[in-house]
C-alpha cells in the first residue's frame, strides 16, 4: 500500500486522530510524504464519546447523531477544520490523504465539506458517504454479529450526515455560508485546485 501511495505522489498526510489514538496505532507514510500533520478533532469530546460507549449506552444512534452535530458545530472541530482547509488550499500540499481511526465519521464530514465546496450534488455526496458501509462491513461484521445494536456505531447512516447538515443550516443558513464565513474556505480556489486541473 505504501508503494501505491508513493506512486500517487502523496505529499501530505493529515491525521484527524487524537493523541491517544495515534499512540495506539502509529501512521506509516509513503516515502513521497513531505508533510505529516496532526489535527486533534474533538479531542475532549472524543474521550466523552468513548466513555459513553464503554458505559454500555443503549441508544448508540442518538449518541452518533449528537457526535455528528459536534463535528460541525463544536469549537474544537471548527478550529481544526479551519486548519484542514488551509492545508488543502495549498496546491503544493497535493496529493493529500486525510484519515481518522474508522475513516467514516471525522473523515466523512471532511469529505462532505470538501464536496460541498466543489458544488457536488447532495445525491452524489450521500452516495459517496454510504459507500463506507460497503468497505467496512467485513471489518466490523464480527462485532455486529455479536451485538446488532453496534451497527449504529460501526456503520454510517444518511441520518448522521443529515444531522450535521441540518445543524449547519439551522445555525448558518446554508452550508456554503458555513464554509466561507466560518471555515474560511475559498470556494473559487478549491474549484481551481480540485476540478479545473
N, C-alpha and C. Protein backbone atom coordinates (compact mmCIF):
# COMPACT_ATOMS: atom_id res chain seq x y z
N UNK A 1 0.82 -1.21 0.00
CA UNK A 1 0.00 0.00 0.00
C UNK A 1 0.86 1.26 0.00
N UNK A 2 1.94 1.23 0.75
CA UNK A 2 2.82 2.39 0.81
C UNK A 2 3.46 2.66 -0.55
N UNK A 3 3.77 1.59 -1.27
CA UNK A 3 4.33 1.76 -2.62
C UNK A 3 3.30 2.38 -3.55
N UNK A 4 2.05 1.95 -3.44
CA UNK A 4 0.98 2.52 -4.26
C UNK A 4 0.80 4.00 -3.96
N UNK A 5 0.80 4.36 -2.68
CA UNK A 5 0.64 5.76 -2.29
C UNK A 5 1.82 6.61 -2.80
N UNK A 6 2.99 6.03 -2.80
CA UNK A 6 4.16 6.74 -3.32
C UNK A 6 4.02 6.96 -4.83
N UNK A 7 3.46 5.96 -5.51
CA UNK A 7 3.23 6.11 -6.95
C UNK A 7 2.21 7.23 -7.24
N UNK A 8 1.30 7.44 -6.30
CA UNK A 8 0.31 8.52 -6.43
C UNK A 8 0.89 9.87 -6.01
N UNK A 9 2.16 9.87 -5.61
CA UNK A 9 2.89 11.08 -5.24
C UNK A 9 2.21 11.82 -4.08
N UNK A 10 1.81 11.06 -3.07
CA UNK A 10 1.21 11.68 -1.89
C UNK A 10 2.24 12.55 -1.19
N UNK A 11 1.91 13.82 -1.03
CA UNK A 11 2.82 14.79 -0.42
C UNK A 11 2.47 15.07 1.04
N UNK A 12 1.19 14.94 1.37
CA UNK A 12 0.72 15.34 2.69
C UNK A 12 -0.22 14.29 3.27
N UNK A 13 -0.02 13.96 4.54
CA UNK A 13 -0.92 13.08 5.27
C UNK A 13 -1.47 13.87 6.46
N UNK A 14 -2.79 14.00 6.50
CA UNK A 14 -3.45 14.71 7.60
C UNK A 14 -4.17 13.69 8.47
N UNK A 15 -3.82 13.66 9.73
CA UNK A 15 -4.33 12.67 10.68
C UNK A 15 -5.27 13.37 11.65
N UNK A 16 -6.56 13.00 11.61
CA UNK A 16 -7.56 13.63 12.47
C UNK A 16 -7.63 13.01 13.87
N UNK A 17 -6.85 11.98 14.13
CA UNK A 17 -6.98 11.25 15.39
C UNK A 17 -6.41 12.02 16.57
N UNK A 18 -6.91 11.68 17.75
CA UNK A 18 -6.40 12.29 18.98
C UNK A 18 -5.03 11.70 19.31
N UNK A 19 -4.33 12.32 20.26
CA UNK A 19 -3.00 11.83 20.66
C UNK A 19 -3.09 10.39 21.15
N UNK A 20 -4.13 10.08 21.90
CA UNK A 20 -4.29 8.73 22.43
C UNK A 20 -4.48 7.72 21.30
N UNK A 21 -5.29 8.08 20.31
CA UNK A 21 -5.49 7.18 19.17
C UNK A 21 -4.20 6.96 18.41
N UNK A 22 -3.43 8.03 18.22
CA UNK A 22 -2.18 7.91 17.48
C UNK A 22 -1.16 7.06 18.23
N UNK A 23 -1.18 7.14 19.56
CA UNK A 23 -0.25 6.34 20.35
C UNK A 23 -0.54 4.85 20.22
N UNK A 24 -1.82 4.52 20.00
CA UNK A 24 -2.21 3.12 19.86
C UNK A 24 -1.88 2.56 18.49
N UNK A 25 -1.81 3.43 17.50
CA UNK A 25 -1.54 2.97 16.14
C UNK A 25 -0.79 4.07 15.37
N UNK A 26 0.50 3.89 15.22
CA UNK A 26 1.34 4.91 14.59
C UNK A 26 1.20 4.82 13.07
N UNK A 27 1.05 5.98 12.43
CA UNK A 27 0.94 6.03 10.97
C UNK A 27 2.22 5.60 10.28
N UNK A 28 2.06 4.85 9.21
CA UNK A 28 3.15 4.61 8.26
C UNK A 28 2.84 5.48 7.06
N UNK A 29 3.81 6.26 6.60
CA UNK A 29 3.56 7.18 5.50
C UNK A 29 4.45 6.82 4.31
N UNK A 30 3.99 7.14 3.09
CA UNK A 30 4.79 6.83 1.90
C UNK A 30 6.06 7.68 1.85
N UNK A 31 7.03 7.21 1.12
CA UNK A 31 8.32 7.91 1.04
C UNK A 31 8.19 9.29 0.42
N UNK A 32 7.13 9.52 -0.35
CA UNK A 32 6.94 10.82 -1.01
C UNK A 32 6.38 11.87 -0.06
N UNK A 33 5.91 11.46 1.13
CA UNK A 33 5.25 12.38 2.05
C UNK A 33 6.24 13.41 2.61
N UNK A 34 5.91 14.68 2.41
CA UNK A 34 6.73 15.78 2.92
C UNK A 34 6.12 16.45 4.14
N UNK A 35 4.81 16.27 4.31
CA UNK A 35 4.11 16.94 5.40
C UNK A 35 3.21 15.93 6.11
N UNK A 36 3.51 15.66 7.36
CA UNK A 36 2.66 14.81 8.18
C UNK A 36 2.05 15.70 9.25
N UNK A 37 0.73 15.91 9.17
CA UNK A 37 0.07 16.92 10.01
C UNK A 37 -0.98 16.27 10.90
N UNK A 38 -0.95 16.62 12.17
CA UNK A 38 -1.92 16.09 13.13
C UNK A 38 -2.92 17.17 13.51
N UNK A 39 -4.19 16.87 13.33
CA UNK A 39 -5.28 17.75 13.76
C UNK A 39 -6.14 16.97 14.74
N UNK A 40 -6.15 17.39 15.98
CA UNK A 40 -6.90 16.68 17.02
C UNK A 40 -8.37 17.07 16.98
N UNK A 41 -9.13 16.43 16.13
CA UNK A 41 -10.55 16.78 16.02
C UNK A 41 -11.32 16.15 17.17
N UNK A 42 -12.00 17.01 17.92
CA UNK A 42 -12.84 16.59 19.05
C UNK A 42 -12.06 15.81 20.11
N UNK A 43 -10.89 16.27 20.46
CA UNK A 43 -10.07 15.51 21.41
C UNK A 43 -10.78 15.30 22.75
N UNK A 44 -11.33 16.36 23.33
CA UNK A 44 -12.03 16.22 24.63
C UNK A 44 -13.34 15.46 24.44
N UNK A 45 -14.10 15.85 23.43
CA UNK A 45 -15.39 15.20 23.17
C UNK A 45 -15.22 13.73 22.83
N UNK A 46 -14.10 13.41 22.20
CA UNK A 46 -13.85 12.03 21.80
C UNK A 46 -13.75 11.13 23.04
N UNK A 47 -13.07 11.63 24.08
CA UNK A 47 -12.95 10.85 25.31
C UNK A 47 -14.32 10.61 25.93
N UNK A 48 -15.16 11.65 25.94
CA UNK A 48 -16.51 11.52 26.49
C UNK A 48 -17.35 10.56 25.65
N UNK A 49 -17.16 10.64 24.34
CA UNK A 49 -17.89 9.77 23.40
C UNK A 49 -17.54 8.30 23.67
N UNK A 50 -16.26 8.02 23.78
CA UNK A 50 -15.80 6.65 24.04
C UNK A 50 -16.28 6.18 25.41
N UNK A 51 -16.26 7.08 26.39
CA UNK A 51 -16.71 6.71 27.74
C UNK A 51 -18.18 6.31 27.74
N UNK A 52 -19.01 7.02 26.96
CA UNK A 52 -20.43 6.69 26.86
C UNK A 52 -20.62 5.29 26.27
N UNK A 53 -19.84 4.98 25.26
CA UNK A 53 -19.94 3.65 24.63
C UNK A 53 -19.53 2.58 25.64
N UNK A 54 -18.44 2.83 26.37
CA UNK A 54 -17.95 1.86 27.33
C UNK A 54 -18.92 1.64 28.48
N UNK A 55 -19.72 2.66 28.78
CA UNK A 55 -20.73 2.52 29.84
C UNK A 55 -21.88 1.63 29.40
N UNK A 56 -21.94 1.35 28.10
CA UNK A 56 -22.98 0.47 27.59
C UNK A 56 -24.28 1.18 27.27
N UNK A 57 -24.17 2.44 26.83
CA UNK A 57 -25.37 3.18 26.48
C UNK A 57 -26.20 2.40 25.46
N UNK A 58 -27.51 2.42 25.65
CA UNK A 58 -28.38 1.59 24.80
C UNK A 58 -28.74 2.27 23.48
N UNK A 59 -28.65 3.59 23.44
CA UNK A 59 -29.07 4.32 22.24
C UNK A 59 -27.85 4.86 21.50
N UNK A 60 -27.18 3.99 20.78
CA UNK A 60 -25.97 4.38 20.05
C UNK A 60 -26.29 5.32 18.90
N UNK A 61 -27.46 5.17 18.30
CA UNK A 61 -27.82 6.06 17.19
C UNK A 61 -27.94 7.49 17.68
N UNK A 62 -28.58 7.69 18.81
CA UNK A 62 -28.70 9.04 19.38
C UNK A 62 -27.33 9.62 19.68
N UNK A 63 -26.44 8.78 20.23
CA UNK A 63 -25.08 9.21 20.53
C UNK A 63 -24.36 9.65 19.26
N UNK A 64 -24.53 8.88 18.17
CA UNK A 64 -23.88 9.21 16.91
C UNK A 64 -24.45 10.50 16.30
N UNK A 65 -25.75 10.70 16.42
CA UNK A 65 -26.36 11.92 15.89
C UNK A 65 -25.79 13.15 16.58
N UNK A 66 -25.62 13.07 17.90
CA UNK A 66 -25.03 14.19 18.65
C UNK A 66 -23.56 14.37 18.28
N UNK A 67 -22.87 13.26 18.07
CA UNK A 67 -21.46 13.31 17.69
C UNK A 67 -21.29 14.06 16.36
N UNK A 68 -22.17 13.77 15.41
CA UNK A 68 -22.09 14.42 14.10
C UNK A 68 -22.38 15.92 14.19
N UNK A 69 -23.28 16.30 15.08
CA UNK A 69 -23.54 17.74 15.27
C UNK A 69 -22.29 18.41 15.85
N UNK A 70 -21.65 17.74 16.81
CA UNK A 70 -20.41 18.28 17.38
C UNK A 70 -19.31 18.42 16.33
N UNK A 71 -19.33 17.52 15.35
CA UNK A 71 -18.30 17.55 14.31
C UNK A 71 -18.37 18.79 13.43
N UNK A 72 -19.50 19.47 13.42
CA UNK A 72 -19.60 20.68 12.60
C UNK A 72 -19.82 21.95 13.43
N UNK A 73 -20.32 21.81 14.67
CA UNK A 73 -20.60 22.99 15.48
C UNK A 73 -19.66 23.17 16.66
N UNK A 74 -19.00 22.09 17.09
CA UNK A 74 -18.09 22.19 18.23
C UNK A 74 -16.92 23.11 17.96
N UNK A 75 -16.54 23.89 18.96
CA UNK A 75 -15.45 24.87 18.79
C UNK A 75 -14.15 24.20 18.36
N UNK A 76 -13.82 23.06 18.96
CA UNK A 76 -12.59 22.37 18.59
C UNK A 76 -12.64 21.89 17.15
N UNK A 77 -13.78 21.30 16.76
CA UNK A 77 -13.90 20.79 15.39
C UNK A 77 -13.77 21.92 14.38
N UNK A 78 -14.43 23.04 14.66
CA UNK A 78 -14.35 24.19 13.74
C UNK A 78 -12.90 24.67 13.63
N UNK A 79 -12.24 24.79 14.76
CA UNK A 79 -10.84 25.25 14.76
C UNK A 79 -9.95 24.33 13.92
N UNK A 80 -10.15 23.03 14.06
CA UNK A 80 -9.31 22.08 13.33
C UNK A 80 -9.69 22.00 11.85
N UNK A 81 -10.97 22.13 11.53
CA UNK A 81 -11.37 22.12 10.12
C UNK A 81 -10.91 23.39 9.40
N UNK A 82 -10.81 24.51 10.11
CA UNK A 82 -10.22 25.71 9.52
C UNK A 82 -8.78 25.42 9.09
N UNK A 83 -8.03 24.78 9.99
CA UNK A 83 -6.64 24.41 9.67
C UNK A 83 -6.60 23.43 8.50
N UNK A 84 -7.53 22.48 8.50
CA UNK A 84 -7.58 21.49 7.43
C UNK A 84 -7.74 22.15 6.07
N UNK A 85 -8.68 23.09 5.98
CA UNK A 85 -8.89 23.75 4.69
C UNK A 85 -7.71 24.65 4.31
N UNK A 86 -7.01 25.21 5.29
CA UNK A 86 -5.79 25.96 4.97
C UNK A 86 -4.78 25.04 4.31
N UNK A 87 -4.70 23.82 4.81
CA UNK A 87 -3.75 22.84 4.27
C UNK A 87 -4.13 22.43 2.85
N UNK A 88 -5.40 22.08 2.64
CA UNK A 88 -5.77 21.55 1.33
C UNK A 88 -5.93 22.65 0.28
N UNK A 89 -5.92 23.91 0.72
CA UNK A 89 -5.98 25.02 -0.24
C UNK A 89 -4.59 25.48 -0.67
N UNK A 90 -3.56 24.73 -0.28
CA UNK A 90 -2.20 25.00 -0.74
C UNK A 90 -1.87 23.97 -1.81
N UNK A 91 -1.82 24.37 -3.08
CA UNK A 91 -1.58 23.40 -4.16
C UNK A 91 -0.30 22.58 -3.99
N UNK A 92 0.70 23.15 -3.32
CA UNK A 92 1.96 22.42 -3.14
C UNK A 92 1.82 21.24 -2.17
N UNK A 93 0.71 21.20 -1.44
CA UNK A 93 0.50 20.10 -0.49
C UNK A 93 -0.11 18.85 -1.14
N UNK A 94 -0.60 18.98 -2.36
CA UNK A 94 -1.25 17.84 -3.01
C UNK A 94 -0.20 16.92 -3.65
N UNK A 95 -0.49 15.65 -3.72
CA UNK A 95 -1.72 14.93 -3.38
C UNK A 95 -1.80 14.72 -1.86
N UNK A 96 -3.04 14.69 -1.34
CA UNK A 96 -3.28 14.66 0.10
C UNK A 96 -4.09 13.43 0.49
N UNK A 97 -3.70 12.83 1.61
CA UNK A 97 -4.50 11.80 2.26
C UNK A 97 -4.93 12.37 3.60
N UNK A 98 -6.18 12.16 3.98
CA UNK A 98 -6.62 12.53 5.33
C UNK A 98 -7.40 11.35 5.89
N UNK A 99 -7.28 11.16 7.19
CA UNK A 99 -7.92 9.98 7.78
C UNK A 99 -8.14 10.17 9.27
N UNK A 100 -9.00 9.31 9.83
CA UNK A 100 -9.17 9.22 11.28
C UNK A 100 -8.94 7.76 11.66
N UNK A 101 -9.67 7.23 12.63
CA UNK A 101 -9.47 5.83 13.00
C UNK A 101 -10.33 4.90 12.15
N UNK A 102 -11.64 5.15 12.13
CA UNK A 102 -12.53 4.29 11.35
C UNK A 102 -12.63 4.74 9.89
N UNK A 103 -12.32 6.00 9.63
CA UNK A 103 -12.36 6.51 8.26
C UNK A 103 -13.76 6.80 7.74
N UNK A 104 -14.71 7.05 8.65
CA UNK A 104 -16.08 7.25 8.20
C UNK A 104 -16.78 8.45 8.82
N UNK A 105 -16.39 8.86 10.02
CA UNK A 105 -17.10 9.93 10.72
C UNK A 105 -16.36 11.28 10.59
N UNK A 106 -15.23 11.44 11.25
CA UNK A 106 -14.46 12.67 11.07
C UNK A 106 -14.02 12.80 9.61
N UNK A 107 -13.57 11.70 9.04
CA UNK A 107 -13.18 11.71 7.62
C UNK A 107 -14.39 11.92 6.73
N UNK A 108 -15.52 11.34 7.11
CA UNK A 108 -16.76 11.51 6.33
C UNK A 108 -17.22 12.95 6.30
N UNK A 109 -17.14 13.63 7.44
CA UNK A 109 -17.53 15.04 7.48
C UNK A 109 -16.55 15.90 6.68
N UNK A 110 -15.27 15.61 6.78
CA UNK A 110 -14.29 16.35 5.99
C UNK A 110 -14.58 16.21 4.50
N UNK A 111 -14.90 15.00 4.07
CA UNK A 111 -15.21 14.75 2.66
C UNK A 111 -16.49 15.46 2.25
N UNK A 112 -17.50 15.40 3.10
CA UNK A 112 -18.75 16.11 2.86
C UNK A 112 -18.49 17.61 2.65
N UNK A 113 -17.67 18.21 3.48
CA UNK A 113 -17.39 19.65 3.38
C UNK A 113 -16.61 19.97 2.10
N UNK A 114 -15.65 19.11 1.75
CA UNK A 114 -14.90 19.32 0.50
C UNK A 114 -15.84 19.24 -0.69
N UNK A 115 -16.67 18.22 -0.74
CA UNK A 115 -17.57 18.04 -1.88
C UNK A 115 -18.60 19.16 -1.96
N UNK A 116 -19.05 19.64 -0.82
CA UNK A 116 -19.96 20.79 -0.81
C UNK A 116 -19.26 22.02 -1.40
N UNK A 117 -18.00 22.22 -1.02
CA UNK A 117 -17.24 23.36 -1.55
C UNK A 117 -17.07 23.26 -3.06
N UNK A 118 -17.03 22.03 -3.57
CA UNK A 118 -16.85 21.81 -5.01
C UNK A 118 -18.18 21.71 -5.75
N UNK A 119 -19.27 22.00 -5.02
CA UNK A 119 -20.62 22.04 -5.61
C UNK A 119 -21.08 20.69 -6.16
N UNK A 120 -20.68 19.63 -5.48
CA UNK A 120 -21.14 18.29 -5.85
C UNK A 120 -22.57 18.13 -5.36
N UNK A 121 -23.39 17.39 -6.09
CA UNK A 121 -24.81 17.25 -5.73
C UNK A 121 -24.98 16.51 -4.41
N UNK A 122 -26.09 16.80 -3.72
CA UNK A 122 -26.39 16.12 -2.46
C UNK A 122 -26.48 14.61 -2.64
N UNK A 123 -27.06 14.20 -3.77
CA UNK A 123 -27.21 12.77 -4.05
C UNK A 123 -25.85 12.08 -4.16
N UNK A 124 -24.93 12.72 -4.86
CA UNK A 124 -23.60 12.14 -5.04
C UNK A 124 -22.83 12.12 -3.72
N UNK A 125 -22.98 13.18 -2.92
CA UNK A 125 -22.30 13.23 -1.63
C UNK A 125 -22.79 12.11 -0.72
N UNK A 126 -24.10 11.95 -0.66
CA UNK A 126 -24.67 10.90 0.21
C UNK A 126 -24.28 9.51 -0.28
N UNK A 127 -24.30 9.31 -1.58
CA UNK A 127 -23.91 8.03 -2.14
C UNK A 127 -22.47 7.70 -1.81
N UNK A 128 -21.60 8.68 -1.93
CA UNK A 128 -20.18 8.51 -1.60
C UNK A 128 -20.01 8.16 -0.12
N UNK A 129 -20.72 8.88 0.72
CA UNK A 129 -20.66 8.67 2.17
C UNK A 129 -21.09 7.25 2.54
N UNK A 130 -22.19 6.80 1.94
CA UNK A 130 -22.74 5.48 2.27
C UNK A 130 -21.87 4.32 1.77
N UNK A 131 -20.94 4.60 0.87
CA UNK A 131 -20.02 3.56 0.41
C UNK A 131 -19.16 3.01 1.56
N UNK A 132 -19.03 3.81 2.63
CA UNK A 132 -18.27 3.33 3.79
C UNK A 132 -18.82 2.00 4.29
N UNK A 133 -20.15 1.85 4.23
CA UNK A 133 -20.75 0.60 4.71
C UNK A 133 -20.28 -0.60 3.90
N UNK A 134 -20.09 -0.38 2.61
CA UNK A 134 -19.62 -1.46 1.74
C UNK A 134 -18.19 -1.84 2.08
N UNK A 135 -17.35 -0.82 2.29
CA UNK A 135 -15.93 -1.07 2.52
C UNK A 135 -15.62 -1.54 3.95
N UNK A 136 -16.51 -1.22 4.89
CA UNK A 136 -16.24 -1.54 6.29
C UNK A 136 -17.01 -2.74 6.83
N UNK A 137 -17.92 -3.29 6.01
CA UNK A 137 -18.80 -4.34 6.54
C UNK A 137 -18.03 -5.56 7.03
N UNK A 138 -16.99 -5.97 6.32
CA UNK A 138 -16.22 -7.13 6.75
C UNK A 138 -15.40 -6.83 8.01
N UNK A 139 -14.90 -5.61 8.08
CA UNK A 139 -14.08 -5.21 9.23
C UNK A 139 -14.86 -5.29 10.53
N UNK A 140 -16.14 -4.89 10.49
CA UNK A 140 -16.92 -4.81 11.72
C UNK A 140 -17.98 -5.90 11.87
N UNK A 141 -18.01 -6.84 10.93
CA UNK A 141 -19.05 -7.87 10.93
C UNK A 141 -19.07 -8.67 12.23
N UNK A 142 -17.91 -9.00 12.76
CA UNK A 142 -17.85 -9.83 13.97
C UNK A 142 -18.49 -9.12 15.15
N UNK A 143 -18.27 -7.81 15.27
CA UNK A 143 -18.84 -7.04 16.38
C UNK A 143 -20.36 -6.93 16.24
N UNK A 144 -20.81 -6.69 15.01
CA UNK A 144 -22.24 -6.53 14.77
C UNK A 144 -22.97 -7.86 14.94
N UNK A 145 -22.32 -8.95 14.57
CA UNK A 145 -22.92 -10.28 14.77
C UNK A 145 -23.08 -10.59 16.26
N UNK A 146 -22.12 -10.13 17.06
CA UNK A 146 -22.19 -10.34 18.50
C UNK A 146 -23.28 -9.49 19.13
N UNK A 147 -23.44 -8.27 18.62
CA UNK A 147 -24.43 -7.35 19.17
C UNK A 147 -24.93 -6.44 18.05
N UNK A 148 -26.11 -6.74 17.48
CA UNK A 148 -26.61 -5.99 16.33
C UNK A 148 -26.74 -4.48 16.55
N UNK A 149 -26.88 -4.04 17.81
CA UNK A 149 -27.02 -2.60 18.03
C UNK A 149 -25.73 -1.85 17.69
N UNK A 150 -24.61 -2.60 17.61
CA UNK A 150 -23.35 -1.96 17.24
C UNK A 150 -23.34 -1.48 15.79
N UNK A 151 -24.30 -1.92 15.00
CA UNK A 151 -24.40 -1.43 13.62
C UNK A 151 -24.57 0.09 13.61
N UNK A 152 -25.28 0.63 14.61
CA UNK A 152 -25.46 2.08 14.69
C UNK A 152 -24.14 2.81 14.92
N UNK A 153 -23.19 2.11 15.51
CA UNK A 153 -21.89 2.70 15.80
C UNK A 153 -20.90 2.50 14.66
N UNK A 154 -20.88 1.29 14.11
CA UNK A 154 -19.84 0.93 13.14
C UNK A 154 -20.22 1.19 11.69
N UNK A 155 -21.50 1.35 11.41
CA UNK A 155 -21.95 1.64 10.05
C UNK A 155 -22.43 3.08 9.96
N UNK A 156 -22.38 3.66 8.78
CA UNK A 156 -22.87 5.03 8.62
C UNK A 156 -24.33 4.99 8.19
N UNK A 157 -25.03 6.10 8.44
CA UNK A 157 -26.42 6.24 8.06
C UNK A 157 -26.64 7.63 7.49
N UNK A 158 -27.55 7.72 6.54
CA UNK A 158 -27.88 9.03 5.97
C UNK A 158 -28.28 10.01 7.07
N UNK A 159 -28.94 9.50 8.11
CA UNK A 159 -29.40 10.35 9.20
C UNK A 159 -28.24 11.06 9.89
N UNK A 160 -27.07 10.42 9.96
CA UNK A 160 -25.92 11.04 10.60
C UNK A 160 -25.44 12.25 9.79
N UNK A 161 -25.28 12.04 8.51
CA UNK A 161 -24.84 13.14 7.65
C UNK A 161 -25.88 14.27 7.64
N UNK A 162 -27.15 13.89 7.60
CA UNK A 162 -28.21 14.89 7.60
C UNK A 162 -28.26 15.67 8.91
N UNK A 163 -27.92 15.01 10.01
CA UNK A 163 -27.90 15.70 11.31
C UNK A 163 -26.85 16.81 11.30
N UNK A 164 -25.69 16.51 10.72
CA UNK A 164 -24.63 17.52 10.61
C UNK A 164 -25.07 18.65 9.69
N UNK A 165 -25.62 18.28 8.56
CA UNK A 165 -26.06 19.28 7.59
C UNK A 165 -27.16 20.17 8.17
N UNK A 166 -28.14 19.56 8.82
CA UNK A 166 -29.25 20.32 9.41
C UNK A 166 -28.75 21.25 10.51
N UNK A 167 -27.77 20.80 11.29
CA UNK A 167 -27.21 21.65 12.34
C UNK A 167 -26.52 22.87 11.74
N UNK A 168 -25.82 22.67 10.63
CA UNK A 168 -25.17 23.79 9.95
C UNK A 168 -26.21 24.78 9.43
N UNK A 169 -27.22 24.27 8.76
CA UNK A 169 -28.25 25.13 8.15
C UNK A 169 -29.02 25.90 9.21
N UNK A 170 -29.30 25.23 10.33
CA UNK A 170 -30.05 25.89 11.40
C UNK A 170 -29.28 27.08 11.97
N UNK A 171 -27.96 26.94 12.07
CA UNK A 171 -27.15 27.99 12.69
C UNK A 171 -26.59 29.00 11.68
N UNK A 172 -26.29 28.53 10.45
CA UNK A 172 -25.59 29.39 9.49
C UNK A 172 -26.34 29.59 8.18
N UNK A 173 -27.57 29.14 8.09
CA UNK A 173 -28.45 29.30 6.93
C UNK A 173 -28.14 28.35 5.78
N UNK A 174 -26.87 28.29 5.36
CA UNK A 174 -26.50 27.38 4.27
C UNK A 174 -25.13 26.77 4.57
N UNK A 175 -24.87 25.64 3.95
CA UNK A 175 -23.56 25.01 4.10
C UNK A 175 -22.49 25.89 3.45
N UNK A 176 -22.82 26.49 2.33
CA UNK A 176 -21.86 27.38 1.65
C UNK A 176 -21.48 28.55 2.55
N UNK A 177 -22.43 29.11 3.26
CA UNK A 177 -22.13 30.21 4.18
C UNK A 177 -21.24 29.75 5.32
N UNK A 178 -21.51 28.55 5.82
CA UNK A 178 -20.67 27.96 6.86
C UNK A 178 -19.24 27.78 6.35
N UNK A 179 -19.11 27.26 5.14
CA UNK A 179 -17.79 27.05 4.57
C UNK A 179 -17.01 28.36 4.44
N UNK A 180 -17.65 29.37 3.89
CA UNK A 180 -16.93 30.61 3.60
C UNK A 180 -16.76 31.51 4.81
N UNK A 181 -17.80 31.64 5.64
CA UNK A 181 -17.73 32.60 6.75
C UNK A 181 -17.20 32.00 8.05
N UNK A 182 -17.30 30.67 8.21
CA UNK A 182 -16.83 30.04 9.45
C UNK A 182 -15.49 29.32 9.23
N UNK A 183 -15.41 28.53 8.18
CA UNK A 183 -14.19 27.76 7.92
C UNK A 183 -13.21 28.48 6.99
N UNK A 184 -13.58 29.67 6.53
CA UNK A 184 -12.70 30.48 5.67
C UNK A 184 -12.28 29.77 4.39
N UNK A 185 -13.22 29.05 3.81
CA UNK A 185 -12.94 28.32 2.58
C UNK A 185 -13.08 29.26 1.38
N UNK A 186 -12.08 29.22 0.52
CA UNK A 186 -12.11 29.96 -0.74
C UNK A 186 -12.67 29.02 -1.81
N UNK A 187 -13.96 29.16 -2.07
CA UNK A 187 -14.64 28.24 -2.99
C UNK A 187 -14.00 28.25 -4.37
N UNK A 188 -13.71 29.43 -4.88
CA UNK A 188 -13.12 29.54 -6.22
C UNK A 188 -11.76 28.85 -6.27
N UNK A 189 -10.97 29.02 -5.22
CA UNK A 189 -9.65 28.38 -5.17
C UNK A 189 -9.79 26.86 -5.08
N UNK A 190 -10.72 26.39 -4.28
CA UNK A 190 -10.94 24.95 -4.18
C UNK A 190 -11.28 24.35 -5.54
N UNK A 191 -12.17 25.01 -6.26
CA UNK A 191 -12.55 24.51 -7.58
C UNK A 191 -11.37 24.55 -8.54
N UNK A 192 -10.56 25.60 -8.44
CA UNK A 192 -9.40 25.70 -9.33
C UNK A 192 -8.41 24.58 -9.07
N UNK A 193 -8.19 24.26 -7.80
CA UNK A 193 -7.21 23.21 -7.45
C UNK A 193 -7.72 21.83 -7.79
N UNK A 194 -9.01 21.57 -7.48
CA UNK A 194 -9.51 20.18 -7.49
C UNK A 194 -10.45 19.82 -8.63
N UNK A 195 -10.90 20.81 -9.40
CA UNK A 195 -11.79 20.45 -10.51
C UNK A 195 -11.35 21.01 -11.86
N UNK A 196 -10.42 21.93 -11.85
CA UNK A 196 -10.04 22.56 -13.12
C UNK A 196 -8.66 22.16 -13.57
N UNK A 197 -7.97 21.33 -12.76
CA UNK A 197 -6.60 20.95 -13.10
C UNK A 197 -6.59 19.90 -14.18
